[in-house]
Protein backbone atom coordinates (compact mmCIF):
# COMPACT_ATOMS: atom_id res chain seq x y z
CA MET A 1 -17.05 -12.95 3.86
CA THR A 2 -15.66 -16.09 5.42
CA GLU A 3 -15.00 -15.62 9.12
CA GLN A 4 -11.28 -16.30 8.53
CA GLU A 5 -10.70 -13.28 6.25
CA ILE A 6 -10.14 -10.97 9.23
CA LEU A 7 -9.36 -12.10 12.76
CA PHE A 8 -9.76 -10.23 16.04
CA GLY A 9 -8.26 -10.94 19.43
CA ARG A 10 -7.01 -9.43 22.68
CA ASP A 11 -3.78 -9.84 24.62
CA GLY A 12 -3.84 -7.88 27.86
CA ARG A 13 -5.08 -4.39 26.98
CA LEU A 14 -3.91 -4.72 23.35
CA ALA A 15 -6.55 -5.59 20.76
CA HIS A 16 -5.31 -7.44 17.66
CA VAL A 17 -6.51 -7.30 14.05
CA LEU A 18 -5.11 -9.74 11.48
CA LEU A 19 -5.93 -9.27 7.79
CA ASN A 20 -6.01 -12.92 6.80
CA ARG A 21 -6.13 -13.36 3.03
CA PRO A 22 -2.41 -14.02 2.42
CA LYS A 23 -2.94 -15.67 -0.99
CA ALA A 24 -4.68 -12.47 -2.13
CA LEU A 25 -2.03 -10.29 -0.42
CA ASN A 26 -4.69 -9.50 2.20
CA ALA A 27 -6.79 -7.52 -0.29
CA LEU A 28 -9.90 -6.08 1.31
CA THR A 29 -13.42 -7.36 0.76
CA HIS A 30 -16.61 -5.58 1.70
CA GLY A 31 -17.23 -8.13 4.44
CA MET A 32 -13.84 -7.41 6.00
CA CYS A 33 -14.62 -3.68 6.10
CA LEU A 34 -17.99 -4.28 7.76
CA ALA A 35 -16.58 -6.69 10.34
CA PHE A 36 -13.71 -4.37 11.21
CA ALA A 37 -15.98 -1.33 11.49
CA ALA A 38 -18.25 -3.17 13.93
CA GLN A 39 -15.29 -4.37 15.99
CA LEU A 40 -13.74 -0.89 16.18
CA ARG A 41 -17.01 0.53 17.49
CA GLU A 42 -17.11 -2.16 20.15
CA TRP A 43 -13.47 -1.64 21.20
CA GLU A 44 -13.90 2.12 21.39
CA GLY A 45 -16.35 1.69 24.26
CA ASP A 46 -14.52 -1.18 25.96
CA ASP A 47 -12.45 -0.03 28.95
CA ARG A 48 -10.42 -3.24 28.80
CA ILE A 49 -8.88 -2.12 25.47
CA GLY A 50 -6.05 0.41 25.61
CA ALA A 51 -4.80 0.25 22.01
CA VAL A 52 -5.35 -1.57 18.71
CA LEU A 53 -2.65 -3.27 16.64
CA ILE A 54 -3.30 -4.23 13.01
CA ARG A 55 -1.07 -6.39 10.81
CA GLY A 56 -1.29 -8.63 7.75
CA ALA A 57 -0.86 -12.40 7.47
CA GLY A 58 1.60 -14.27 5.27
CA GLY A 59 4.75 -12.18 5.38
CA LYS A 60 4.39 -10.65 1.90
CA ALA A 61 1.84 -7.91 2.42
CA PHE A 62 0.16 -5.80 5.03
CA CYS A 63 -2.62 -5.23 2.50
CA ALA A 64 -2.28 -4.75 -1.25
CA GLY A 65 -5.56 -2.85 -1.65
CA GLY A 66 -9.20 -3.59 -2.36
CA ASP A 67 -10.60 -6.56 -4.23
CA ILE A 68 -10.39 -4.73 -7.57
CA ARG A 69 -11.48 -7.67 -9.70
CA LYS A 70 -14.83 -7.93 -7.87
CA LEU A 71 -15.33 -4.16 -8.06
CA TYR A 72 -14.66 -4.37 -11.80
CA GLU A 73 -17.08 -7.23 -12.38
CA GLU A 74 -19.87 -5.84 -10.23
CA GLY A 75 -19.45 -2.30 -11.53
CA ARG A 76 -19.52 -3.34 -15.19
CA ALA A 77 -22.73 -5.25 -14.50
CA GLY A 78 -24.31 -2.11 -13.04
CA GLY A 79 -24.56 -3.58 -9.55
CA ALA A 80 -24.66 -1.68 -6.27
CA TYR A 81 -21.64 -3.48 -4.77
CA PRO A 82 -19.06 -0.78 -5.64
CA TYR A 83 -21.18 1.92 -3.98
CA ARG A 84 -21.63 -0.20 -0.85
CA PHE A 85 -17.94 -1.15 -0.75
CA TYR A 86 -16.56 2.35 -1.18
CA GLY A 87 -19.12 3.95 1.12
CA ASP A 88 -18.37 1.55 3.97
CA GLU A 89 -14.62 1.62 3.33
CA TYR A 90 -14.52 5.43 3.41
CA ARG A 91 -16.54 5.56 6.62
CA LEU A 92 -14.07 3.11 8.15
CA ASN A 93 -11.09 5.21 7.01
CA ALA A 94 -12.66 8.23 8.72
CA HIS A 95 -13.27 6.21 11.90
CA ILE A 96 -9.65 5.01 12.00
CA LYS A 97 -8.49 8.64 11.79
CA ARG A 98 -10.66 9.76 14.71
CA PHE A 99 -10.39 6.52 16.74
CA ALA A 100 -10.09 7.58 20.37
CA LYS A 101 -7.41 5.06 21.38
CA PRO A 102 -3.92 4.52 19.96
CA TYR A 103 -4.13 2.61 16.65
CA ILE A 104 -0.86 1.00 15.61
CA ALA A 105 -0.20 -0.45 12.14
CA PHE A 106 2.62 -2.83 11.27
CA MET A 107 3.09 -1.95 7.58
CA ASP A 108 5.23 -5.01 6.88
CA GLY A 109 5.28 -5.86 3.15
CA ILE A 110 3.10 -4.46 0.37
CA THR A 111 0.96 -1.57 1.62
CA MET A 112 -1.07 -0.08 -1.21
CA GLY A 113 -4.51 1.39 -1.87
CA GLY A 114 -6.97 0.11 0.70
CA GLY A 115 -4.07 -1.08 2.83
CA VAL A 116 -2.86 2.51 3.05
CA GLY A 117 -6.33 3.51 4.26
CA PHE A 118 -6.12 0.88 7.02
CA SER A 119 -2.69 2.07 8.21
CA VAL A 120 -1.67 5.61 7.39
CA HIS A 121 -4.51 7.23 9.38
CA GLY A 122 -3.48 5.46 12.59
CA ARG A 123 -1.65 7.16 15.45
CA ARG A 124 1.53 5.13 14.92
CA ARG A 125 2.69 3.61 11.60
CA ILE A 126 5.59 1.13 11.75
CA VAL A 127 7.52 0.23 8.59
CA THR A 128 10.06 -2.56 8.02
CA GLU A 129 12.67 -3.51 5.44
CA ASN A 130 9.84 -5.31 3.59
CA THR A 131 7.56 -2.28 3.26
CA VAL A 132 6.50 -1.27 -0.25
CA PHE A 133 4.12 1.69 -0.01
CA ALA A 134 2.25 3.16 -2.99
CA MET A 135 -0.95 4.75 -4.19
CA PRO A 136 -0.97 3.47 -7.81
CA GLU A 137 -4.60 4.27 -8.62
CA THR A 138 -4.07 6.67 -11.55
CA GLY A 139 -2.67 3.68 -13.45
CA ILE A 140 -6.03 1.86 -13.30
CA GLY A 141 -8.27 4.83 -14.00
CA LEU A 142 -9.08 5.41 -10.36
CA PHE A 143 -7.63 8.11 -8.05
CA PRO A 144 -5.68 8.03 -4.75
CA ASP A 145 -8.63 7.59 -2.42
CA VAL A 146 -9.03 6.01 1.09
CA GLY A 147 -8.05 9.38 2.55
CA GLY A 148 -5.34 10.24 0.03
CA THR A 149 -6.94 13.68 -0.25
CA HIS A 150 -6.02 14.21 3.40
CA PHE A 151 -2.62 12.60 3.90
CA LEU A 152 -1.08 13.32 0.48
CA SER A 153 -1.87 17.01 0.82
CA ARG A 154 0.02 17.00 4.14
CA CYS A 155 3.21 15.37 2.89
CA PRO A 156 6.17 17.79 2.86
CA GLY A 157 6.88 19.84 -0.23
CA GLY A 158 5.75 18.32 -3.52
CA ILE A 159 5.89 14.71 -2.30
CA GLY A 160 2.13 14.22 -2.07
CA MET A 161 1.53 15.36 -5.63
CA TYR A 162 4.48 13.26 -6.84
CA LEU A 163 3.04 10.13 -5.19
CA ALA A 164 -0.48 10.85 -6.44
CA LEU A 165 0.44 11.36 -10.10
CA THR A 166 3.22 8.80 -10.53
CA GLY A 167 2.07 6.03 -8.16
CA ALA A 168 5.74 5.73 -7.14
CA ARG A 169 6.66 2.96 -4.70
CA MET A 170 8.43 3.85 -1.48
CA LYS A 171 10.55 1.77 0.87
CA ALA A 172 10.85 2.33 4.61
CA ALA A 173 13.25 5.29 4.62
CA ASP A 174 11.16 7.06 1.99
CA CYS A 175 7.98 6.51 4.04
CA LEU A 176 9.62 8.19 7.02
CA HIS A 177 10.81 11.08 4.84
CA ALA A 178 7.30 11.49 3.40
CA ARG A 179 5.82 11.40 6.92
CA VAL A 180 3.47 8.54 6.15
CA ALA A 181 5.25 6.40 8.78
CA ASP A 182 6.59 7.08 12.25
CA ALA A 183 9.28 4.47 12.91
CA PHE A 184 11.33 1.69 11.35
CA VAL A 185 11.43 -1.67 13.17
CA PRO A 186 13.14 -4.73 11.63
CA ALA A 187 10.52 -7.32 10.65
CA ALA A 188 12.18 -9.95 12.83
CA ARG A 189 11.43 -7.84 15.91
CA LEU A 190 7.73 -7.12 15.28
CA ASP A 191 6.55 -10.07 17.36
CA GLU A 192 8.72 -8.89 20.25
CA LEU A 193 7.29 -5.39 19.95
CA ALA A 194 3.73 -6.73 19.88
CA ALA A 195 4.41 -8.79 23.01
CA ALA A 196 5.90 -5.78 24.79
CA LEU A 197 2.86 -3.68 23.88
CA ALA A 198 0.58 -6.38 25.26
CA ARG A 199 2.46 -6.35 28.58
CA SER A 200 2.30 -2.56 28.96
CA ALA A 201 -0.34 -0.48 30.73
CA LEU A 202 -1.67 1.11 27.51
CA ARG A 203 -3.55 3.90 29.22
CA GLY A 204 -3.90 5.99 26.10
CA ASP A 205 -0.53 7.72 26.39
CA VAL A 206 1.10 7.66 22.98
CA ALA A 207 4.41 8.64 24.56
CA GLU A 208 4.40 5.27 26.35
CA ILE A 209 4.05 3.52 22.98
CA ASP A 210 6.73 5.70 21.39
CA ALA A 211 9.20 4.85 24.14
CA MET A 212 8.55 1.16 23.64
CA VAL A 213 8.85 1.37 19.84
CA ALA A 214 12.16 3.23 20.24
CA THR A 215 13.71 0.24 22.03
CA PHE A 216 13.05 -1.92 18.95
CA ALA A 217 13.64 0.69 16.23
CA GLY A 218 16.51 0.55 13.76
CA ASP A 219 18.04 2.55 10.93
CA PRO A 220 16.26 2.11 7.58
CA GLY A 221 19.20 3.57 5.67
CA PRO A 222 19.17 6.54 3.28
CA SER A 223 16.02 7.77 1.56
CA GLU A 224 16.05 7.77 -2.23
CA LEU A 225 13.13 10.18 -2.10
CA ALA A 226 15.17 12.69 -0.10
CA ARG A 227 17.84 12.62 -2.80
CA HIS A 228 15.32 13.94 -5.33
CA ARG A 229 13.47 16.38 -3.06
CA ALA A 230 14.66 19.54 -4.79
CA THR A 231 13.42 18.32 -8.18
CA ILE A 232 10.14 17.05 -6.71
CA ASP A 233 9.43 20.27 -4.82
CA GLN A 234 10.20 22.46 -7.80
CA CYS A 235 8.51 20.46 -10.54
CA PHE A 236 5.39 19.29 -8.73
CA ALA A 237 4.53 22.82 -7.59
CA GLY A 238 3.03 23.49 -11.03
CA ASP A 239 -0.51 24.86 -11.15
CA SER A 240 -1.82 22.07 -13.43
CA VAL A 241 -0.87 18.59 -14.55
CA GLU A 242 0.31 20.04 -17.86
CA ALA A 243 2.47 22.57 -16.01
CA ILE A 244 4.00 19.80 -13.90
CA LEU A 245 4.77 17.78 -17.02
CA GLY A 246 6.39 20.83 -18.58
CA ASN A 247 8.50 21.41 -15.48
CA LEU A 248 9.65 17.80 -15.49
CA GLU A 249 10.51 17.81 -19.17
CA ARG A 250 12.55 21.01 -18.78
CA ALA A 251 14.35 19.85 -15.64
CA GLY A 252 16.95 17.95 -17.64
CA THR A 253 17.49 15.07 -15.21
CA GLU A 254 16.92 11.37 -15.68
CA PHE A 255 14.69 11.26 -12.61
CA ALA A 256 12.46 14.07 -13.90
CA ALA A 257 12.26 12.53 -17.38
CA ASP A 258 11.23 9.20 -15.85
CA CYS A 259 8.50 10.93 -13.81
CA ALA A 260 7.10 12.62 -16.92
CA ARG A 261 7.18 9.37 -18.87
CA VAL A 262 5.34 7.50 -16.11
CA ILE A 263 2.66 10.18 -15.71
CA ARG A 264 1.98 10.11 -19.45
CA THR A 265 1.08 6.39 -19.19
CA LYS A 266 -1.64 7.10 -16.58
CA SER A 267 -5.27 7.99 -17.15
CA PRO A 268 -5.38 11.70 -18.01
CA THR A 269 -8.74 12.02 -16.26
CA SER A 270 -7.45 10.28 -13.14
CA CYS A 271 -4.36 12.47 -13.03
CA LYS A 272 -6.43 15.63 -13.24
CA ILE A 273 -8.75 14.35 -10.49
CA ALA A 274 -5.70 13.54 -8.36
CA PHE A 275 -4.23 16.98 -8.94
CA ARG A 276 -7.49 18.66 -7.90
CA GLN A 277 -7.97 16.51 -4.78
CA VAL A 278 -4.42 16.96 -3.47
CA ARG A 279 -4.60 20.72 -3.94
CA ALA A 280 -7.99 20.85 -2.20
CA GLY A 281 -7.16 18.49 0.66
CA ALA A 282 -4.80 20.77 2.57
CA ASN A 283 -7.75 22.91 3.66
CA LEU A 284 -10.16 20.07 4.47
CA SER A 285 -10.74 17.91 7.53
CA MET A 286 -10.55 14.12 7.20
CA ASP A 287 -14.34 13.85 7.12
CA GLU A 288 -14.55 16.53 4.44
CA CYS A 289 -11.89 14.68 2.44
CA MET A 290 -13.87 11.44 2.60
CA ARG A 291 -17.03 13.21 1.42
CA LEU A 292 -15.05 14.67 -1.48
CA GLU A 293 -13.71 11.22 -2.41
CA TRP A 294 -17.21 9.76 -2.27
CA ARG A 295 -18.36 12.42 -4.75
CA VAL A 296 -15.55 11.45 -7.11
CA VAL A 297 -15.83 7.68 -6.82
CA THR A 298 -19.56 7.67 -7.61
CA ARG A 299 -18.67 9.24 -10.99
CA VAL A 300 -15.66 6.97 -11.56
CA ILE A 301 -17.88 3.90 -11.08
CA ARG A 302 -20.10 5.09 -13.93
CA GLY A 303 -17.21 6.14 -16.16
CA HIS A 304 -14.87 4.48 -18.64
CA ASP A 305 -11.27 4.65 -17.49
CA PHE A 306 -11.57 2.56 -14.32
CA TYR A 307 -12.87 -0.46 -16.24
CA GLU A 308 -10.35 0.02 -19.02
CA GLY A 309 -7.48 0.38 -16.57
CA VAL A 310 -8.43 -2.72 -14.60
CA ARG A 311 -8.88 -4.64 -17.85
CA ALA A 312 -5.40 -3.71 -19.06
CA VAL A 313 -3.55 -4.21 -15.76
CA ILE A 314 -5.44 -6.99 -13.97
CA ILE A 315 -7.83 -8.82 -16.33
CA ASP A 316 -6.10 -9.08 -19.73
CA LYS A 317 -2.72 -7.87 -18.41
CA ASP A 318 -1.75 -6.42 -21.77
CA GLN A 319 -0.61 -3.19 -20.03
CA LYS A 320 -2.10 -1.18 -22.90
CA PRO A 321 -5.05 0.81 -21.55
CA ARG A 322 -7.01 2.88 -24.04
CA TRP A 323 -7.92 5.93 -22.00
CA ASN A 324 -10.84 8.14 -22.98
CA PRO A 325 -9.94 10.96 -23.36
CA ALA A 326 -6.45 9.80 -24.26
CA ARG A 327 -4.74 13.20 -24.08
CA PHE A 328 -4.36 15.48 -21.07
CA GLU A 329 -5.31 18.53 -23.11
CA ASP A 330 -8.67 16.91 -23.97
CA VAL A 331 -9.74 16.67 -20.30
CA SER A 332 -11.37 20.01 -19.56
CA ASP A 333 -11.69 21.74 -16.20
CA ALA A 334 -15.46 21.60 -16.63
CA GLU A 335 -15.32 17.81 -16.95
CA ILE A 336 -13.26 17.54 -13.76
CA ASP A 337 -15.70 19.89 -12.01
CA ARG A 338 -18.44 17.34 -12.58
CA TYR A 339 -16.54 14.70 -10.61
CA PHE A 340 -16.49 16.96 -7.57
CA ALA A 341 -20.13 18.08 -7.70
CA PRO A 342 -22.70 16.74 -5.17
CA PRO A 343 -23.66 13.19 -6.25
CA GLU A 344 -27.08 11.93 -7.18
CA GLU A 345 -26.68 9.27 -4.49
CA GLY A 346 -26.36 11.97 -1.83
CA GLU A 347 -23.35 12.94 0.26
CA LEU A 348 -21.45 10.29 2.19
CA PRO A 349 -23.12 9.96 5.60
CA LEU A 350 -20.61 10.13 8.44
CA PRO A 351 -21.26 10.04 12.19
């Protein structure tokens, strides 16, 4: 990691984090995760710090995800990098969730994958008119990780399963409706809000932060997601991916037909993993969710679909992945069970 990839600072009692790879849409590297984890530990014990604010550089993205190309290259070569990256990233996601002081994320711009893990688990999540939020992992043979097991299972109604299987993109109003964000603030006012936070006492009272955010908050407009809630709740309540697809195909609406079409382009294995994790997550703590995701990712790294998905979407960009198995009905429950079994590498160690 170059020292400029992630920057840390302090203004009054407000600690600042800047994800600083704007040309790469602030995609995460292993070095960034390690540096941030060390800094969070330091700030947690520092009485001078009352809250942490994280944002992305460049104006286009908060963070578009992990450095997938490097994970692809290292994983195909049989290297240990993917295990180190995911293990340290997942530990950091868990730490953000339990961080003792208010953690505030400005989700301005693209917020996907690893960027979701760096924001959605914070105490306060601020979206803007530029926010584009998604967990698109089933389209590259992965699964909605970085704590998706936890937060997707806690979205209202069928929204979490809808997001997990389709990888649908949400704007600000949708994020508020899905409860993955807490407030809308126009992008032009974020600097003012940050300055106001830095001037405040920040004694750990989230109500103090909420009152300040409210003075800058605006109206994000209507939620497209809310318009389709009845269909989402009904169709995505199915007891399997195949049942959900059947519900969508019988619903008789353009929205439902589009959802079914999109899901059928995704990795069947990834979709069945995502279904299992979202159903399981509602009864698990954040730490338990991260251990579950570690179990799954250690199998994905050794599998086929992740490399094929990244090849088709990012490397060759032909958008024609050849999944194996290619049909949902050919992915058995027993095969999915193996993804969730204790890994040879051992369980993810968490403090």
